[in-house]
Protein backbone atom coordinates (compact mmCIF):
# COMPACT_ATOMS: atom_id res chain seq x y z
CA THR A 1 -22.79 13.42 -4.37
CA ALA A 2 -24.16 10.24 -6.57
CA SER A 3 -27.04 9.92 -9.15
CA LYS A 4 -30.60 7.78 -8.22
CA PRO A 5 -33.20 8.21 -10.35
CA GLY A 6 -36.52 9.84 -8.43
CA ALA A 7 -34.48 10.75 -5.66
CA SER A 8 -33.67 14.80 -4.59
CA SER A 9 -31.33 15.97 -1.95
CA TRP A 10 -31.11 19.91 -1.73
CA ILE A 11 -27.89 22.16 -1.02
CA GLN A 12 -27.98 24.60 2.00
CA GLY A 13 -27.60 28.28 1.00
CA ASP A 14 -27.04 31.64 3.05
CA SER A 15 -29.83 33.08 0.72
CA VAL A 16 -31.80 32.60 -2.49
CA ILE A 17 -32.13 35.61 -4.59
CA GLU A 18 -33.51 35.70 -8.56
CA GLU A 19 -31.89 37.20 -11.33
CA GLU A 20 -32.08 36.63 -15.02
CA ASP A 21 -34.96 34.61 -14.84
CA PHE A 22 -33.05 32.41 -12.49
CA TYR A 23 -33.07 31.38 -8.98
CA TRP A 24 -29.54 31.45 -7.45
CA SER A 25 -28.56 29.84 -4.13
CA GLU A 26 -25.56 32.30 -2.28
CA LYS A 27 -22.73 29.83 -0.45
CA VAL A 28 -20.21 31.96 1.48
CA GLY A 29 -17.02 30.28 2.01
CA TYR A 30 -17.14 27.99 -0.99
CA LYS A 31 -16.23 28.12 -4.88
CA ILE A 32 -17.55 25.83 -7.88
CA ASP A 33 -14.32 23.44 -8.97
CA ILE A 34 -13.90 24.11 -12.64
CA LYS A 35 -14.10 27.61 -14.41
CA LEU A 36 -16.13 27.64 -17.67
CA SER A 37 -13.95 30.29 -19.33
CA GLY A 38 -10.94 32.04 -17.89
CA HIS A 39 -12.73 35.19 -18.63
CA ALA A 40 -13.29 37.73 -15.23
CA TYR A 41 -16.32 39.82 -15.23
CA PRO A 42 -16.19 42.70 -13.03
CA ASN A 43 -19.47 42.80 -11.48
CA LYS A 44 -22.20 39.87 -10.19
CA ASP A 45 -24.80 40.94 -13.07
CA ARG A 46 -22.71 40.65 -16.09
CA ALA A 47 -21.54 37.17 -14.85
CA PHE A 48 -24.98 36.00 -13.61
CA LYS A 49 -25.98 37.22 -17.56
CA GLU A 50 -23.30 35.36 -19.31
CA CYS A 51 -24.03 32.52 -17.08
CA ALA A 52 -27.49 32.46 -17.49
CA ARG A 53 -26.86 32.65 -21.42
CA ARG A 54 -24.96 29.48 -20.95
CA PHE A 55 -27.06 27.82 -18.27
CA ARG A 56 -26.91 24.59 -20.22
CA HIS A 57 -23.19 24.38 -19.56
CA CYS A 58 -22.81 26.79 -16.09
CA SER A 59 -23.19 25.50 -12.50
CA GLY A 60 -23.18 29.03 -11.23
CA VAL A 61 -20.82 32.12 -10.27
CA THR A 62 -17.77 32.47 -8.17
CA LYS A 63 -15.91 35.40 -6.81
CA ILE A 64 -12.43 35.16 -6.53
CA GLY A 65 -10.16 37.80 -5.37
CA GLY A 66 -12.90 40.38 -6.36
CA LYS A 67 -13.77 38.98 -9.54
CA TYR A 68 -16.68 37.07 -10.85
CA PHE A 69 -15.96 33.59 -12.99
CA ILE A 70 -18.71 31.71 -14.52
CA MET A 71 -18.33 27.78 -13.60
CA ARG A 72 -19.34 24.22 -14.26
CA GLY A 73 -18.97 21.32 -12.30
CA ALA A 74 -21.04 19.93 -9.44
CA GLY A 75 -18.38 20.01 -6.89
CA LEU A 76 -17.87 22.31 -4.11
CA THR A 77 -14.51 23.43 -2.52
CA LYS A 78 -14.09 25.05 0.82
CA SER A 79 -12.61 28.60 0.30
CA PRO A 80 -13.24 31.12 3.02
CA LYS A 81 -12.38 34.07 0.55
CA ASP A 82 -14.76 33.19 -2.12
CA LYS A 83 -18.28 33.36 -2.37
CA THR A 84 -20.51 31.19 -4.94
CA PHE A 85 -24.02 31.99 -6.33
CA LEU A 86 -24.89 28.18 -7.61
CA LEU A 87 -27.52 28.11 -10.80
CA GLY A 88 -30.98 27.01 -10.17
CA ASP A 89 -33.77 26.66 -12.20
CA ILE A 90 -35.80 28.77 -14.03
CA VAL A 91 -38.10 31.11 -11.94
CA LYS A 92 -41.03 29.44 -12.76
CA THR A 93 -40.36 25.88 -12.57
CA THR A 94 -38.04 25.63 -9.29
CA SER A 95 -38.38 23.93 -5.86
CA TYR A 96 -37.25 25.91 -3.22
CA MET A 97 -37.68 26.67 0.48
CA VAL A 98 -36.33 28.36 3.72
CA PHE A 99 -36.21 26.16 6.58
CA ALA A 100 -34.48 26.76 9.85
CA ASN A 101 -33.36 30.21 8.66
CA LYS A 102 -31.46 28.64 5.65
CA ALA A 103 -32.26 28.95 1.95
CA TRP A 104 -32.40 25.70 -0.03
CA THR A 105 -32.59 24.75 -3.63
CA ILE A 106 -33.14 21.35 -5.14
CA MET A 107 -31.08 19.54 -7.03
CA THR A 108 -32.37 16.26 -9.11
CA PRO A 109 -31.25 13.52 -9.35
CA TYR A 110 -28.66 13.67 -6.59
CA THR A 111 -28.61 12.21 -3.28
CA MET A 112 -26.41 13.13 -0.34
CA GLN A 113 -23.35 10.78 0.41
CA ASN A 114 -22.64 9.65 3.72
CA CYS A 115 -25.40 10.31 5.61
CA TYR A 116 -26.10 9.69 9.27
CA ARG A 117 -29.10 8.30 8.85
CA ALA A 118 -32.72 8.10 6.65
CA PHE A 119 -35.81 10.37 7.62
CA ASN A 120 -38.95 10.02 6.30
CA ASN A 121 -40.19 13.67 6.61
CA LEU A 122 -38.06 15.86 4.29
CA PHE A 123 -38.19 18.88 7.05
CA GLN A 124 -36.73 16.62 9.75
CA ALA A 125 -34.11 15.99 7.17
CA VAL A 126 -33.42 19.65 6.48
CA ASP A 127 -33.44 20.72 10.06
CA ARG A 128 -30.83 17.57 11.04
CA CYS A 129 -28.87 18.91 8.03
CA ALA A 130 -29.02 22.99 9.14
CA GLU A 131 -27.63 21.62 12.58
CA GLU A 132 -24.30 19.93 10.86
CA ARG A 133 -21.38 21.85 9.61
CA GLN A 134 -20.40 19.22 6.96
CA CYS A 135 -24.01 18.72 5.73
């Protein structure tokens, strides 16, 4: 992703859940690139709690081999056996929506690279992105 002031983009998730006063966008088959610590948590709740506590540095939680790790970084890597929960904003201040049977969380000031074309309407752009596997 690239940064552009005033721009927003959406990460397509499989679902959105609310835990520890944050929204989390679930992404199956992906992992965040960098572990924030080497500590493995036995369950999702403990990992969510620690990631929320360290929200200024934590990007989300990734389940790898049955254990949960708190992660940092903006990059996602395809990893068919893993599942990632991207940390969103605090529940009362975030923007998210459900469209085209997918959950989308906002990330700003990020923009998408290699877009097929520009859209003037957010719903048209999200609908097109939902159709594309690599979006």
